[in-house]
């Protein structure tokens, strides 16, 4: 934290705000109980990135499986439509 920033602790929730003195803008915020050490924030950020990477891989796998089965699904739909047209109308 530099001389141009101040840290404010909320008396109600114990959350922390880092405010730029010159602009009055909130530069960082930290919820109460989320850990005050930089190591905790770093670990949390790493976990979020790992989660995104894993979910991205899962999404890609699902999309590839969907594309692999697309021809069969379209063939089935075409076959159903052809059969529906081939049946005589009961009316």
C-alpha atoms as a PDB file:
ATOM      1  CA  UNK A   1       0.000   0.000   0.000  1.00  0.00           C
ATOM      2  CA  UNK A   2       1.468   3.345  -1.042  1.00  0.00           C
ATOM      3  CA  UNK A   3       1.232   6.786   0.508  1.00  0.00           C
ATOM      4  CA  UNK A   4      -1.488   7.673  -1.988  1.00  0.00           C
ATOM      5  CA  UNK A   5      -3.718   4.845  -0.792  1.00  0.00           C
ATOM      6  CA  UNK A   6      -5.514   4.272   2.468  1.00  0.00           C
ATOM      7  CA  UNK A   7      -7.052   1.099   3.826  1.00  0.00           C
ATOM      8  CA  UNK A   8     -10.484   1.336   5.416  1.00  0.00           C
ATOM      9  CA  UNK A   9     -12.079  -1.386   7.552  1.00  0.00           C
ATOM     10  CA  UNK A  10     -15.866  -1.500   7.662  1.00  0.00           C
ATOM     11  CA  UNK A  11     -17.091  -1.424  11.283  1.00  0.00           C
ATOM     12  CA  UNK A  12     -20.136  -3.559  10.408  1.00  0.00           C
ATOM     13  CA  UNK A  13     -18.766  -6.426   8.315  1.00  0.00           C
ATOM     14  CA  UNK A  14     -14.983  -6.058   8.852  1.00  0.00           C
ATOM     15  CA  UNK A  15     -14.454  -5.891   5.073  1.00  0.00           C
ATOM     16  CA  UNK A  16     -11.402  -3.993   3.847  1.00  0.00           C
ATOM     17  CA  UNK A  17     -11.264  -1.326   1.145  1.00  0.00           C
ATOM     18  CA  UNK A  18      -8.133   0.173  -0.342  1.00  0.00           C
ATOM     19  CA  UNK A  19      -8.945   3.678  -1.588  1.00  0.00           C
ATOM     20  CA  UNK A  20      -6.858   5.941  -3.820  1.00  0.00           C
ATOM     21  CA  UNK A  21      -6.604   9.244  -1.943  1.00  0.00           C
ATOM     22  CA  UNK A  22      -6.217  11.392  -5.057  1.00  0.00           C
ATOM     23  CA  UNK A  23      -9.198  10.055  -7.005  1.00  0.00           C
ATOM     24  CA  UNK A  24     -11.334   8.649  -4.185  1.00  0.00           C
ATOM     25  CA  UNK A  25     -11.761   5.412  -6.140  1.00  0.00           C
ATOM     26  CA  UNK A  26     -11.787   1.985  -4.510  1.00  0.00           C
ATOM     27  CA  UNK A  27      -8.718   0.145  -5.781  1.00  0.00           C
ATOM     28  CA  UNK A  28      -9.244  -3.191  -3.987  1.00  0.00           C
ATOM     29  CA  UNK A  29     -11.813  -4.760  -1.733  1.00  0.00           C
ATOM     30  CA  UNK A  30     -11.636  -7.800   0.477  1.00  0.00           C
ATOM     31  CA  UNK A  31     -14.583  -9.434   2.153  1.00  0.00           C
ATOM     32  CA  UNK A  32     -14.354 -10.191   5.841  1.00  0.00           C
ATOM     33  CA  UNK A  33     -13.158 -13.702   6.601  1.00  0.00           C
ATOM     34  CA  UNK A  34     -11.634 -14.218   3.164  1.00  0.00           C
ATOM     35  CA  UNK A  35      -8.124 -14.267   4.593  1.00  0.00           C
ATOM     36  CA  UNK A  36      -5.882 -11.307   4.988  1.00  0.00           C
ATOM     37  CA  UNK A  37      -2.647 -12.816   3.715  1.00  0.00           C
ATOM     38  CA  UNK A  38      -1.444 -12.387   0.158  1.00  0.00           C
ATOM     39  CA  UNK A  39      -0.796 -16.133   0.047  1.00  0.00           C
ATOM     40  CA  UNK A  40      -4.477 -16.851   0.671  1.00  0.00           C
ATOM     41  CA  UNK A  41      -5.517 -14.598  -2.209  1.00  0.00           C
ATOM     42  CA  UNK A  42      -2.896 -16.169  -4.460  1.00  0.00           C
ATOM     43  CA  UNK A  43      -4.108 -19.685  -3.673  1.00  0.00           C
ATOM     44  CA  UNK A  44      -7.689 -18.629  -4.264  1.00  0.00           C
ATOM     45  CA  UNK A  45      -6.777 -17.131  -7.640  1.00  0.00           C
ATOM     46  CA  UNK A  46      -4.885 -20.269  -8.627  1.00  0.00           C
ATOM     47  CA  UNK A  47      -7.886 -22.438  -7.739  1.00  0.00           C
ATOM     48  CA  UNK A  48     -10.179 -20.263  -9.865  1.00  0.00           C
ATOM     49  CA  UNK A  49      -7.818 -20.569 -12.835  1.00  0.00           C
ATOM     50  CA  UNK A  50      -7.597 -24.345 -12.394  1.00  0.00           C
ATOM     51  CA  UNK A  51     -11.379 -24.526 -12.265  1.00  0.00           C
ATOM     52  CA  UNK A  52     -11.716 -22.511 -15.475  1.00  0.00           C
ATOM     53  CA  UNK A  53      -9.180 -24.704 -17.219  1.00  0.00           C
ATOM     54  CA  UNK A  54     -10.979 -27.884 -16.153  1.00  0.00           C
ATOM     55  CA  UNK A  55     -14.409 -26.549 -17.098  1.00  0.00           C
ATOM     56  CA  UNK A  56     -13.051 -25.401 -20.469  1.00  0.00           C
ATOM     57  CA  UNK A  57     -11.715 -28.883 -21.170  1.00  0.00           C
ATOM     58  CA  UNK A  58     -15.057 -30.421 -20.180  1.00  0.00           C
ATOM     59  CA  UNK A  59     -16.945 -28.028 -22.478  1.00  0.00           C
ATOM     60  CA  UNK A  60     -14.639 -28.871 -25.377  1.00  0.00           C
ATOM     61  CA  UNK A  61     -15.102 -32.613 -24.808  1.00  0.00           C
ATOM     62  CA  UNK A  62     -18.903 -32.247 -24.719  1.00  0.00           C
ATOM     63  CA  UNK A  63     -18.860 -30.167 -27.915  1.00  0.00           C
ATOM     64  CA  UNK A  64     -16.674 -32.726 -29.694  1.00  0.00           C
ATOM     65  CA  UNK A  65     -18.953 -35.591 -28.607  1.00  0.00           C
ATOM     66  CA  UNK A  66     -21.956 -33.641 -29.854  1.00  0.00           C
ATOM     67  CA  UNK A  67     -20.302 -33.057 -33.231  1.00  0.00           C
ATOM     68  CA  UNK A  68     -19.330 -36.727 -33.548  1.00  0.00           C
ATOM     69  CA  UNK A  69     -22.941 -37.815 -33.033  1.00  0.00           C
ATOM     70  CA  UNK A  70     -24.498 -35.114 -35.194  1.00  0.00           C
ATOM     71  CA  UNK A  71     -24.552 -37.169 -38.421  1.00  0.00           C
ATOM     72  CA  UNK A  72     -26.382 -40.045 -36.714  1.00  0.00           C
ATOM     73  CA  UNK A  73     -28.932 -37.692 -35.154  1.00  0.00           C
ATOM     74  CA  UNK A  74     -29.602 -35.987 -38.480  1.00  0.00           C
ATOM     75  CA  UNK A  75     -29.925 -39.358 -40.247  1.00  0.00           C
ATOM     76  CA  UNK A  76     -32.488 -40.451 -37.633  1.00  0.00           C
ATOM     77  CA  UNK A  77     -34.475 -37.237 -38.062  1.00  0.00           C
ATOM     78  CA  UNK A  78     -34.436 -37.622 -41.835  1.00  0.00           C
ATOM     79  CA  UNK A  79     -35.531 -41.258 -41.549  1.00  0.00           C
ATOM     80  CA  UNK A  80     -38.403 -40.286 -39.209  1.00  0.00           C
ATOM     81  CA  UNK A  81     -39.563 -37.546 -41.571  1.00  0.00           C
ATOM     82  CA  UNK A  82     -39.403 -39.917 -44.570  1.00  0.00           C
ATOM     83  CA  UNK A  83     -41.368 -42.589 -42.677  1.00  0.00           C
ATOM     84  CA  UNK A  84     -43.966 -40.014 -41.632  1.00  0.00           C
ATOM     85  CA  UNK A  85     -44.477 -38.976 -45.262  1.00  0.00           C
ATOM     86  CA  UNK A  86     -44.607 -42.589 -46.471  1.00  0.00           C
ATOM     87  CA  UNK A  87     -47.437 -43.564 -44.080  1.00  0.00           C
ATOM     88  CA  UNK A  88     -50.931 -43.090 -45.480  1.00  0.00           C
ATOM     89  CA  UNK A  89     -53.063 -40.492 -43.689  1.00  0.00           C
ATOM     90  CA  UNK A  90     -55.841 -42.260 -41.684  1.00  0.00           C
ATOM     91  CA  UNK A  91     -58.421 -39.564 -42.556  1.00  0.00           C
END
